[in-house]
C-alpha atoms as a PDB file:
ATOM      1  CA  UNK A   1      95.338  24.672  24.588  1.00  0.00           C
ATOM      2  CA  UNK A   2      93.248  23.290  27.473  1.00  0.00           C
ATOM      3  CA  UNK A   3      94.542  24.070  30.954  1.00  0.00           C
ATOM      4  CA  UNK A   4      95.795  21.093  32.922  1.00  0.00           C
ATOM      5  CA  UNK A   5      93.231  19.539  35.266  1.00  0.00           C
ATOM      6  CA  UNK A   6      93.614  20.221  38.920  1.00  0.00           C
ATOM      7  CA  UNK A   7      93.609  17.288  41.342  1.00  0.00           C
ATOM      8  CA  UNK A   8      90.096  18.245  42.441  1.00  0.00           C
ATOM      9  CA  UNK A   9      88.865  18.277  38.812  1.00  0.00           C
ATOM     10  CA  UNK A  10      90.458  14.863  38.183  1.00  0.00           C
ATOM     11  CA  UNK A  11      88.625  13.394  41.177  1.00  0.00           C
ATOM     12  CA  UNK A  12      85.353  14.958  39.992  1.00  0.00           C
ATOM     13  CA  UNK A  13      85.793  13.532  36.477  1.00  0.00           C
ATOM     14  CA  UNK A  14      86.691  10.059  37.770  1.00  0.00           C
ATOM     15  CA  UNK A  15      83.674  10.106  40.072  1.00  0.00           C
ATOM     16  CA  UNK A  16      81.410  11.137  37.183  1.00  0.00           C
ATOM     17  CA  UNK A  17      82.814   8.488  34.841  1.00  0.00           C
ATOM     18  CA  UNK A  18      82.134   5.770  37.427  1.00  0.00           C
ATOM     19  CA  UNK A  19      78.538   6.949  37.759  1.00  0.00           C
ATOM     20  CA  UNK A  20      78.106   6.922  33.970  1.00  0.00           C
ATOM     21  CA  UNK A  21      79.598   3.411  33.835  1.00  0.00           C
ATOM     22  CA  UNK A  22      77.207   2.231  36.561  1.00  0.00           C
ATOM     23  CA  UNK A  23      74.218   3.600  34.611  1.00  0.00           C
ATOM     24  CA  UNK A  24      75.424   1.896  31.424  1.00  0.00           C
ATOM     25  CA  UNK A  25      75.719  -1.409  33.292  1.00  0.00           C
ATOM     26  CA  UNK A  26      72.160  -1.038  34.581  1.00  0.00           C
ATOM     27  CA  UNK A  27      70.907  -0.325  31.062  1.00  0.00           C
ATOM     28  CA  UNK A  28      72.204  -3.732  29.971  1.00  0.00           C
ATOM     29  CA  UNK A  29      69.623  -5.290  32.301  1.00  0.00           C
ATOM     30  CA  UNK A  30      66.833  -3.579  30.318  1.00  0.00           C
ATOM     31  CA  UNK A  31      65.944  -6.347  27.863  1.00  0.00           C
ATOM     32  CA  UNK A  32      62.969  -8.401  26.774  1.00  0.00           C
ATOM     33  CA  UNK A  33      60.292  -7.879  29.449  1.00  0.00           C
ATOM     34  CA  UNK A  34      62.424  -5.793  31.835  1.00  0.00           C
ATOM     35  CA  UNK A  35      61.421  -2.263  30.876  1.00  0.00           C
ATOM     36  CA  UNK A  36      62.524  -0.080  33.765  1.00  0.00           C
ATOM     37  CA  UNK A  37      64.790  -0.097  36.810  1.00  0.00           C
ATOM     38  CA  UNK A  38      63.772   2.072  39.760  1.00  0.00           C
ATOM     39  CA  UNK A  39      66.456   2.944  42.293  1.00  0.00           C
ATOM     40  CA  UNK A  40      65.033   3.986  45.649  1.00  0.00           C
ATOM     41  CA  UNK A  41      66.877   4.733  48.855  1.00  0.00           C
ATOM     42  CA  UNK A  42      65.658   1.563  50.551  1.00  0.00           C
ATOM     43  CA  UNK A  43      65.474  -0.850  47.597  1.00  0.00           C
ATOM     44  CA  UNK A  44      65.850  -1.339  43.858  1.00  0.00           C
ATOM     45  CA  UNK A  45      62.812  -2.366  41.797  1.00  0.00           C
ATOM     46  CA  UNK A  46      62.251  -3.473  38.235  1.00  0.00           C
ATOM     47  CA  UNK A  47      59.165  -2.867  36.128  1.00  0.00           C
ATOM     48  CA  UNK A  48      58.062  -5.209  33.334  1.00  0.00           C
ATOM     49  CA  UNK A  49      56.349  -4.401  30.052  1.00  0.00           C
ATOM     50  CA  UNK A  50      53.075  -5.819  31.455  1.00  0.00           C
ATOM     51  CA  UNK A  51      53.224  -3.463  34.463  1.00  0.00           C
ATOM     52  CA  UNK A  52      54.324  -5.973  37.089  1.00  0.00           C
ATOM     53  CA  UNK A  53      57.041  -4.866  39.506  1.00  0.00           C
ATOM     54  CA  UNK A  54      59.567  -6.824  41.572  1.00  0.00           C
ATOM     55  CA  UNK A  55      62.160  -5.954  44.179  1.00  0.00           C
ATOM     56  CA  UNK A  56      65.658  -6.672  42.882  1.00  0.00           C
ATOM     57  CA  UNK A  57      68.123  -7.447  45.673  1.00  0.00           C
ATOM     58  CA  UNK A  58      71.336  -6.295  43.979  1.00  0.00           C
ATOM     59  CA  UNK A  59      73.359  -7.626  46.906  1.00  0.00           C
ATOM     60  CA  UNK A  60      72.247 -11.186  46.124  1.00  0.00           C
ATOM     61  CA  UNK A  61      73.703 -12.895  43.047  1.00  0.00           C
ATOM     62  CA  UNK A  62      70.579 -14.984  42.321  1.00  0.00           C
ATOM     63  CA  UNK A  63      67.931 -12.341  43.022  1.00  0.00           C
ATOM     64  CA  UNK A  64      65.075 -12.724  40.479  1.00  0.00           C
ATOM     65  CA  UNK A  65      67.044 -15.551  38.818  1.00  0.00           C
ATOM     66  CA  UNK A  66      66.405 -15.979  35.100  1.00  0.00           C
ATOM     67  CA  UNK A  67      64.442 -12.738  34.873  1.00  0.00           C
ATOM     68  CA  UNK A  68      67.533 -10.581  35.351  1.00  0.00           C
ATOM     69  CA  UNK A  69      69.727 -12.889  33.271  1.00  0.00           C
ATOM     70  CA  UNK A  70      67.435 -13.362  30.262  1.00  0.00           C
ATOM     71  CA  UNK A  71      64.792 -10.679  30.638  1.00  0.00           C
ATOM     72  CA  UNK A  72      61.990 -13.246  30.878  1.00  0.00           C
ATOM     73  CA  UNK A  73      60.931 -16.403  32.744  1.00  0.00           C
ATOM     74  CA  UNK A  74      59.599 -19.501  30.942  1.00  0.00           C
ATOM     75  CA  UNK A  75      58.327 -17.404  28.050  1.00  0.00           C
ATOM     76  CA  UNK A  76      56.198 -20.026  26.283  1.00  0.00           C
ATOM     77  CA  UNK A  77      54.699 -21.379  29.512  1.00  0.00           C
ATOM     78  CA  UNK A  78      53.833 -17.877  30.729  1.00  0.00           C
ATOM     79  CA  UNK A  79      52.133 -16.999  27.442  1.00  0.00           C
ATOM     80  CA  UNK A  80      50.144 -20.223  27.384  1.00  0.00           C
ATOM     81  CA  UNK A  81      48.978 -19.892  30.984  1.00  0.00           C
ATOM     82  CA  UNK A  82      47.854 -16.329  30.295  1.00  0.00           C
ATOM     83  CA  UNK A  83      45.582 -17.789  27.590  1.00  0.00           C
ATOM     84  CA  UNK A  84      44.302 -20.684  29.703  1.00  0.00           C
ATOM     85  CA  UNK A  85      43.466 -18.710  32.848  1.00  0.00           C
ATOM     86  CA  UNK A  86      40.196 -16.790  32.865  1.00  0.00           C
ATOM     87  CA  UNK A  87      38.683 -14.173  35.145  1.00  0.00           C
ATOM     88  CA  UNK A  88      37.223 -15.719  38.271  1.00  0.00           C
ATOM     89  CA  UNK A  89      39.567 -18.735  38.300  1.00  0.00           C
ATOM     90  CA  UNK A  90      40.762 -20.298  41.552  1.00  0.00           C
ATOM     91  CA  UNK A  91      44.488 -20.949  41.044  1.00  0.00           C
ATOM     92  CA  UNK A  92      47.208 -22.567  43.193  1.00  0.00           C
ATOM     93  CA  UNK A  93      50.867 -21.595  42.815  1.00  0.00           C
ATOM     94  CA  UNK A  94      52.861 -24.299  44.606  1.00  0.00           C
ATOM     95  CA  UNK A  95      56.492 -23.276  44.971  1.00  0.00           C
ATOM     96  CA  UNK A  96      55.803 -19.595  44.347  1.00  0.00           C
ATOM     97  CA  UNK A  97      59.393 -18.399  44.875  1.00  0.00           C
ATOM     98  CA  UNK A  98      59.525 -14.582  44.525  1.00  0.00           C
ATOM     99  CA  UNK A  99      56.174 -14.440  42.758  1.00  0.00           C
ATOM    100  CA  UNK A 100      56.648 -14.568  38.982  1.00  0.00           C
ATOM    101  CA  UNK A 101      53.643 -16.814  38.418  1.00  0.00           C
ATOM    102  CA  UNK A 102      51.592 -15.577  41.390  1.00  0.00           C
ATOM    103  CA  UNK A 103      51.629 -12.015  40.026  1.00  0.00           C
ATOM    104  CA  UNK A 104      50.926 -13.252  36.479  1.00  0.00           C
ATOM    105  CA  UNK A 105      47.993 -15.354  37.704  1.00  0.00           C
ATOM    106  CA  UNK A 106      46.639 -12.518  39.846  1.00  0.00           C
ATOM    107  CA  UNK A 107      46.468 -10.280  36.778  1.00  0.00           C
ATOM    108  CA  UNK A 108      44.659 -12.987  34.796  1.00  0.00           C
ATOM    109  CA  UNK A 109      42.019 -14.040  37.378  1.00  0.00           C
ATOM    110  CA  UNK A 110      40.991 -10.465  38.200  1.00  0.00           C
ATOM    111  CA  UNK A 111      39.239  -9.371  41.361  1.00  0.00           C
ATOM    112  CA  UNK A 112      36.628 -12.124  41.047  1.00  0.00           C
ATOM    113  CA  UNK A 113      39.300 -14.845  41.217  1.00  0.00           C
ATOM    114  CA  UNK A 114      41.903 -15.910  43.785  1.00  0.00           C
ATOM    115  CA  UNK A 115      45.502 -17.089  43.749  1.00  0.00           C
ATOM    116  CA  UNK A 116      46.780 -19.257  46.611  1.00  0.00           C
ATOM    117  CA  UNK A 117      50.579 -18.985  46.815  1.00  0.00           C
ATOM    118  CA  UNK A 118      52.729 -21.478  48.731  1.00  0.00           C
ATOM    119  CA  UNK A 119      56.355 -20.740  49.620  1.00  0.00           C
ATOM    120  CA  UNK A 120      57.875 -22.361  52.734  1.00  0.00           C
ATOM    121  CA  UNK A 121      61.401 -20.845  52.841  1.00  0.00           C
ATOM    122  CA  UNK A 122      61.414 -17.862  55.226  1.00  0.00           C
ATOM    123  CA  UNK A 123      63.599 -15.360  53.277  1.00  0.00           C
ATOM    124  CA  UNK A 124      61.940 -16.292  49.967  1.00  0.00           C
ATOM    125  CA  UNK A 125      58.486 -15.949  51.523  1.00  0.00           C
ATOM    126  CA  UNK A 126      59.438 -12.441  52.706  1.00  0.00           C
ATOM    127  CA  UNK A 127      60.494 -11.600  49.131  1.00  0.00           C
ATOM    128  CA  UNK A 128      57.233 -13.006  47.753  1.00  0.00           C
ATOM    129  CA  UNK A 129      55.180 -11.033  50.275  1.00  0.00           C
ATOM    130  CA  UNK A 130      56.979  -7.799  49.371  1.00  0.00           C
ATOM    131  CA  UNK A 131      56.363  -8.324  45.646  1.00  0.00           C
ATOM    132  CA  UNK A 132      52.661  -9.047  46.197  1.00  0.00           C
ATOM    133  CA  UNK A 133      52.438  -5.865  48.274  1.00  0.00           C
ATOM    134  CA  UNK A 134      54.399  -3.874  45.683  1.00  0.00           C
ATOM    135  CA  UNK A 135      51.897  -4.866  42.997  1.00  0.00           C
ATOM    136  CA  UNK A 136      48.956  -4.077  45.310  1.00  0.00           C
ATOM    137  CA  UNK A 137      47.397  -7.493  44.731  1.00  0.00           C
ATOM    138  CA  UNK A 138      44.389  -8.087  46.964  1.00  0.00           C
ATOM    139  CA  UNK A 139      43.443 -11.405  45.349  1.00  0.00           C
ATOM    140  CA  UNK A 140      46.523 -13.383  46.462  1.00  0.00           C
ATOM    141  CA  UNK A 141      46.483 -15.536  49.628  1.00  0.00           C
ATOM    142  CA  UNK A 142      50.017 -16.090  50.912  1.00  0.00           C
ATOM    143  CA  UNK A 143      50.943 -19.322  52.697  1.00  0.00           C
ATOM    144  CA  UNK A 144      54.321 -20.017  54.286  1.00  0.00           C
ATOM    145  CA  UNK A 145      53.902 -23.765  54.113  1.00  0.00           C
ATOM    146  CA  UNK A 146      55.300 -26.736  52.172  1.00  0.00           C
ATOM    147  CA  UNK A 147      52.815 -29.106  50.531  1.00  0.00           C
ATOM    148  CA  UNK A 148      53.274 -32.869  50.734  1.00  0.00           C
ATOM    149  CA  UNK A 149      51.350 -36.047  51.622  1.00  0.00           C
ATOM    150  CA  UNK A 150      51.324 -35.449  55.408  1.00  0.00           C
ATOM    151  CA  UNK A 151      50.688 -32.720  57.982  1.00  0.00           C
ATOM    152  CA  UNK A 152      53.483 -31.724  60.327  1.00  0.00           C
ATOM    153  CA  UNK A 153      56.852 -29.990  60.251  1.00  0.00           C
ATOM    154  CA  UNK A 154      60.089 -30.547  58.353  1.00  0.00           C
ATOM    155  CA  UNK A 155      63.427 -29.036  57.474  1.00  0.00           C
ATOM    156  CA  UNK A 156      63.721 -27.426  54.040  1.00  0.00           C
ATOM    157  CA  UNK A 157      67.038 -26.846  52.336  1.00  0.00           C
ATOM    158  CA  UNK A 158      68.144 -23.792  50.373  1.00  0.00           C
ATOM    159  CA  UNK A 159      71.236 -24.329  48.175  1.00  0.00           C
ATOM    160  CA  UNK A 160      73.700 -21.491  48.723  1.00  0.00           C
ATOM    161  CA  UNK A 161      74.961 -21.332  45.150  1.00  0.00           C
ATOM    162  CA  UNK A 162      71.744 -21.628  43.121  1.00  0.00           C
ATOM    163  CA  UNK A 163      69.379 -19.955  45.603  1.00  0.00           C
ATOM    164  CA  UNK A 164      65.617 -20.086  46.135  1.00  0.00           C
ATOM    165  CA  UNK A 165      64.747 -21.642  42.752  1.00  0.00           C
ATOM    166  CA  UNK A 166      66.230 -24.957  43.953  1.00  0.00           C
ATOM    167  CA  UNK A 167      64.949 -25.068  47.556  1.00  0.00           C
ATOM    168  CA  UNK A 168      63.436 -28.435  48.474  1.00  0.00           C
ATOM    169  CA  UNK A 169      62.485 -30.763  51.323  1.00  0.00           C
ATOM    170  CA  UNK A 170      65.136 -33.193  50.037  1.00  0.00           C
ATOM    171  CA  UNK A 171      68.339 -32.141  48.240  1.00  0.00           C
ATOM    172  CA  UNK A 172      71.714 -33.524  47.258  1.00  0.00           C
ATOM    173  CA  UNK A 173      73.641 -33.594  50.583  1.00  0.00           C
ATOM    174  CA  UNK A 174      76.827 -32.678  48.718  1.00  0.00           C
ATOM    175  CA  UNK A 175      75.432 -29.210  47.994  1.00  0.00           C
ATOM    176  CA  UNK A 176      76.290 -26.407  50.408  1.00  0.00           C
ATOM    177  CA  UNK A 177      72.972 -25.249  51.815  1.00  0.00           C
ATOM    178  CA  UNK A 178      71.099 -23.331  54.469  1.00  0.00           C
ATOM    179  CA  UNK A 179      68.452 -25.123  56.533  1.00  0.00           C
ATOM    180  CA  UNK A 180      65.065 -23.746  57.585  1.00  0.00           C
ATOM    181  CA  UNK A 181      62.239 -25.221  59.619  1.00  0.00           C
ATOM    182  CA  UNK A 182      58.836 -25.126  57.935  1.00  0.00           C
ATOM    183  CA  UNK A 183      55.246 -26.257  58.356  1.00  0.00           C
ATOM    184  CA  UNK A 184      54.060 -29.075  56.060  1.00  0.00           C
ATOM    185  CA  UNK A 185      50.457 -29.591  55.034  1.00  0.00           C
ATOM    186  CA  UNK A 186      48.388 -31.631  52.602  1.00  0.00           C
ATOM    187  CA  UNK A 187      46.320 -29.842  49.990  1.00  0.00           C
ATOM    188  CA  UNK A 188      43.226 -31.690  51.218  1.00  0.00           C
ATOM    189  CA  UNK A 189      43.724 -30.115  54.659  1.00  0.00           C
ATOM    190  CA  UNK A 190      44.272 -26.671  53.147  1.00  0.00           C
ATOM    191  CA  UNK A 191      41.236 -26.973  50.855  1.00  0.00           C
ATOM    192  CA  UNK A 192      39.062 -27.879  53.840  1.00  0.00           C
ATOM    193  CA  UNK A 193      40.425 -25.024  55.979  1.00  0.00           C
ATOM    194  CA  UNK A 194      39.921 -22.462  53.209  1.00  0.00           C
ATOM    195  CA  UNK A 195      36.530 -23.933  52.213  1.00  0.00           C
ATOM    196  CA  UNK A 196      37.560 -24.063  48.563  1.00  0.00           C
ATOM    197  CA  UNK A 197      34.747 -25.490  46.449  1.00  0.00           C
ATOM    198  CA  UNK A 198      36.697 -25.858  43.194  1.00  0.00           C
ATOM    199  CA  UNK A 199      40.210 -25.401  41.754  1.00  0.00           C
ATOM    200  CA  UNK A 200      40.704 -24.421  38.120  1.00  0.00           C
ATOM    201  CA  UNK A 201      44.482 -24.595  37.717  1.00  0.00           C
ATOM    202  CA  UNK A 202      47.548 -25.690  39.683  1.00  0.00           C
ATOM    203  CA  UNK A 203      51.158 -24.824  38.900  1.00  0.00           C
ATOM    204  CA  UNK A 204      53.644 -26.919  40.907  1.00  0.00           C
ATOM    205  CA  UNK A 205      57.418 -26.547  40.934  1.00  0.00           C
ATOM    206  CA  UNK A 206      58.786 -28.054  44.138  1.00  0.00           C
ATOM    207  CA  UNK A 207      61.996 -29.743  43.020  1.00  0.00           C
ATOM    208  CA  UNK A 208      60.810 -33.337  42.810  1.00  0.00           C
ATOM    209  CA  UNK A 209      58.105 -33.234  45.486  1.00  0.00           C
ATOM    210  CA  UNK A 210      55.244 -32.888  43.000  1.00  0.00           C
ATOM    211  CA  UNK A 211      53.916 -36.457  43.295  1.00  0.00           C
ATOM    212  CA  UNK A 212      53.777 -36.263  47.101  1.00  0.00           C
ATOM    213  CA  UNK A 213      51.925 -32.937  46.882  1.00  0.00           C
ATOM    214  CA  UNK A 214      49.302 -34.422  44.543  1.00  0.00           C
ATOM    215  CA  UNK A 215      48.935 -37.522  46.716  1.00  0.00           C
ATOM    216  CA  UNK A 216      48.071 -35.038  49.452  1.00  0.00           C
ATOM    217  CA  UNK A 217      44.977 -33.933  47.488  1.00  0.00           C
ATOM    218  CA  UNK A 218      43.557 -37.340  46.521  1.00  0.00           C
ATOM    219  CA  UNK A 219      40.379 -36.692  48.513  1.00  0.00           C
ATOM    220  CA  UNK A 220      39.688 -33.631  46.339  1.00  0.00           C
ATOM    221  CA  UNK A 221      40.546 -35.494  43.113  1.00  0.00           C
ATOM    222  CA  UNK A 222      38.260 -38.392  44.026  1.00  0.00           C
ATOM    223  CA  UNK A 223      35.323 -36.191  45.003  1.00  0.00           C
ATOM    224  CA  UNK A 224      35.386 -33.730  42.098  1.00  0.00           C
ATOM    225  CA  UNK A 225      34.436 -34.651  38.545  1.00  0.00           C
ATOM    226  CA  UNK A 226      35.867 -31.348  37.236  1.00  0.00           C
ATOM    227  CA  UNK A 227      39.563 -31.508  38.029  1.00  0.00           C
ATOM    228  CA  UNK A 228      42.111 -28.692  37.736  1.00  0.00           C
ATOM    229  CA  UNK A 229      44.383 -28.149  34.767  1.00  0.00           C
ATOM    230  CA  UNK A 230      47.990 -28.731  35.861  1.00  0.00           C
ATOM    231  CA  UNK A 231      51.413 -27.390  34.946  1.00  0.00           C
ATOM    232  CA  UNK A 232      54.188 -29.085  36.859  1.00  0.00           C
ATOM    233  CA  UNK A 233      57.904 -29.681  36.818  1.00  0.00           C
ATOM    234  CA  UNK A 234      58.923 -33.188  35.749  1.00  0.00           C
ATOM    235  CA  UNK A 235      62.619 -33.828  36.315  1.00  0.00           C
ATOM    236  CA  UNK A 236      63.718 -37.418  36.888  1.00  0.00           C
ATOM    237  CA  UNK A 237      66.825 -36.709  38.985  1.00  0.00           C
ATOM    238  CA  UNK A 238      64.794 -34.537  41.384  1.00  0.00           C
ATOM    239  CA  UNK A 239      61.903 -37.016  41.634  1.00  0.00           C
ATOM    240  CA  UNK A 240      64.337 -39.819  42.521  1.00  0.00           C
ATOM    241  CA  UNK A 241      65.413 -37.910  45.642  1.00  0.00           C
ATOM    242  CA  UNK A 242      61.849 -38.327  46.917  1.00  0.00           C
ATOM    243  CA  UNK A 243      61.847 -42.048  46.191  1.00  0.00           C
ATOM    244  CA  UNK A 244      59.712 -41.919  43.050  1.00  0.00           C
ATOM    245  CA  UNK A 245      60.118 -41.393  39.311  1.00  0.00           C
ATOM    246  CA  UNK A 246      58.461 -39.466  36.497  1.00  0.00           C
ATOM    247  CA  UNK A 247      56.848 -42.758  35.445  1.00  0.00           C
ATOM    248  CA  UNK A 248      55.235 -42.956  38.915  1.00  0.00           C
ATOM    249  CA  UNK A 249      53.926 -39.410  38.457  1.00  0.00           C
ATOM    250  CA  UNK A 250      52.532 -40.285  35.008  1.00  0.00           C
ATOM    251  CA  UNK A 251      50.745 -43.384  36.330  1.00  0.00           C
ATOM    252  CA  UNK A 252      49.221 -41.417  39.186  1.00  0.00           C
ATOM    253  CA  UNK A 253      47.901 -38.643  36.944  1.00  0.00           C
ATOM    254  CA  UNK A 254      46.644 -40.991  34.226  1.00  0.00           C
ATOM    255  CA  UNK A 255      44.741 -42.806  36.965  1.00  0.00           C
ATOM    256  CA  UNK A 256      42.676 -39.622  37.253  1.00  0.00           C
ATOM    257  CA  UNK A 257      42.127 -39.464  33.466  1.00  0.00           C
ATOM    258  CA  UNK A 258      44.730 -36.782  32.805  1.00  0.00           C
ATOM    259  CA  UNK A 259      46.351 -36.581  29.375  1.00  0.00           C
ATOM    260  CA  UNK A 260      49.929 -35.312  29.577  1.00  0.00           C
ATOM    261  CA  UNK A 261      51.531 -32.830  27.186  1.00  0.00           C
ATOM    262  CA  UNK A 262      54.817 -31.007  26.730  1.00  0.00           C
ATOM    263  CA  UNK A 263      55.110 -27.568  25.180  1.00  0.00           C
ATOM    264  CA  UNK A 264      57.193 -27.349  22.006  1.00  0.00           C
ATOM    265  CA  UNK A 265      57.227 -24.418  19.557  1.00  0.00           C
ATOM    266  CA  UNK A 266      53.958 -23.095  21.021  1.00  0.00           C
ATOM    267  CA  UNK A 267      52.217 -26.464  20.552  1.00  0.00           C
ATOM    268  CA  UNK A 268      51.063 -28.858  23.257  1.00  0.00           C
ATOM    269  CA  UNK A 269      52.223 -32.304  22.160  1.00  0.00           C
ATOM    270  CA  UNK A 270      50.726 -35.298  23.966  1.00  0.00           C
ATOM    271  CA  UNK A 271      53.106 -37.691  25.710  1.00  0.00           C
ATOM    272  CA  UNK A 272      52.561 -41.434  25.596  1.00  0.00           C
ATOM    273  CA  UNK A 273      55.156 -42.226  28.267  1.00  0.00           C
ATOM    274  CA  UNK A 274      57.594 -40.600  30.670  1.00  0.00           C
ATOM    275  CA  UNK A 275      60.464 -41.588  28.350  1.00  0.00           C
ATOM    276  CA  UNK A 276      59.257 -38.957  25.855  1.00  0.00           C
ATOM    277  CA  UNK A 277      59.633 -36.027  28.265  1.00  0.00           C
ATOM    278  CA  UNK A 278      62.097 -33.478  26.907  1.00  0.00           C
ATOM    279  CA  UNK A 279      60.772 -30.245  28.412  1.00  0.00           C
ATOM    280  CA  UNK A 280      61.149 -29.369  32.090  1.00  0.00           C
ATOM    281  CA  UNK A 281      57.440 -28.605  32.543  1.00  0.00           C
ATOM    282  CA  UNK A 282      54.481 -30.759  31.551  1.00  0.00           C
ATOM    283  CA  UNK A 283      50.827 -29.793  31.166  1.00  0.00           C
ATOM    284  CA  UNK A 284      48.119 -32.165  32.346  1.00  0.00           C
ATOM    285  CA  UNK A 285      44.659 -31.780  30.816  1.00  0.00           C
ATOM    286  CA  UNK A 286      41.358 -33.543  31.317  1.00  0.00           C
ATOM    287  CA  UNK A 287      39.276 -34.411  28.216  1.00  0.00           C
ATOM    288  CA  UNK A 288      37.000 -31.472  29.122  1.00  0.00           C
ATOM    289  CA  UNK A 289      39.991 -29.097  29.081  1.00  0.00           C
ATOM    290  CA  UNK A 290      40.930 -30.321  25.610  1.00  0.00           C
ATOM    291  CA  UNK A 291      37.421 -29.680  24.300  1.00  0.00           C
ATOM    292  CA  UNK A 292      37.278 -26.262  25.945  1.00  0.00           C
ATOM    293  CA  UNK A 293      40.662 -24.941  24.878  1.00  0.00           C
ATOM    294  CA  UNK A 294      41.243 -26.555  21.480  1.00  0.00           C
ATOM    295  CA  UNK A 295      39.832 -23.483  19.638  1.00  0.00           C
ATOM    296  CA  UNK A 296      42.438 -21.258  21.351  1.00  0.00           C
ATOM    297  CA  UNK A 297      45.630 -23.353  21.546  1.00  0.00           C
ATOM    298  CA  UNK A 298      47.390 -25.831  19.262  1.00  0.00           C
ATOM    299  CA  UNK A 299      47.042 -29.374  20.602  1.00  0.00           C
ATOM    300  CA  UNK A 300      48.620 -32.487  19.085  1.00  0.00           C
ATOM    301  CA  UNK A 301      46.985 -35.533  20.649  1.00  0.00           C
ATOM    302  CA  UNK A 302      47.614 -39.254  20.259  1.00  0.00           C
ATOM    303  CA  UNK A 303      44.981 -41.054  18.201  1.00  0.00           C
ATOM    304  CA  UNK A 304      43.023 -43.366  20.463  1.00  0.00           C
END
C-alpha cells in the first residue's frame, strides 16, 4: 500500500502535471511546416521545415496569424512563387507583415538577388526586422513606409481584433483600431532613390490599396519593356474603401499587357473578367512570363 502523499509532495506533483500539460499544448502547435518551438528566456521562436525561424509573441493572440493556426501560410501560392523566383531576382514585398514572404523570397533569390520589404506599421515593422535578423538575411532591404500614388505622410490603422494582417491606410471605421503615423511614398520615387534598374517580381497585399500602389509606379511601367511578374490581393470590399474596384485594377493591369490568373488546384487559370475572381490572390503575367514559365507550371489560358 502506497503511503499517503504529504502536502509538499502534492504541490510538487501538481506543479509537474501543469508543466507536462503546457508541453503537450505546445506540441499541438507542431504541425505542417512548424517543426520546432524554441523557448528562450527573452522570447519564443518557431522553426519551419525549410529552416526559416520566426519570433512567436505568445502574449499576442494574432502573433504569426495563420502560421500558428494552420501550420502554413498560403501553401499553393508559396510553392508557386518558390518555383517562379530565381537566383539574382530583384523582388518587392509590399505589405510584408512579419516576414513570411520576405524570408521565403530571400532564400530563393540568394546572395546575388535582393528583396525590398515594405511595412509601415511600427510594431509590425519591429517584428519584421527581428525576423530578418533572426534568419541572418543580408539580402533584404527593410522599409518602414506605405506605398501609394503620392509622397507624404498618413495615418495607418491597425484593427485590434484581427491584428497586423488587416492593417491599412483606410479601414472600416466601425472596427476598433489603433492608429499610427507613417511615411507614404510612390514606387517610382523609391526606385529612383535606390537606383533599381529592373524588378522581376512584386507581391502586394495592402488591404485594398494595390491599385494606388501600382499607379505610383507608372513611370517604371511605361519605361520598361520587361515588366515584373505580380502576385496581389484582389478583394472587392477592400478595394471599394479606396474608391476603386477589382474591375478598375483589371483594366489598369491589362492596359500594360498583363494577363491575369487565379491559382486553383496548382494550376494558373486565366481570368477574362473581375467577375470570375474566386481566389483572394491573383497572378499577373506578361506574355514573356508565360513563354518562360510554361515548361515549369501548369497554365490554362484563354484562346485568343
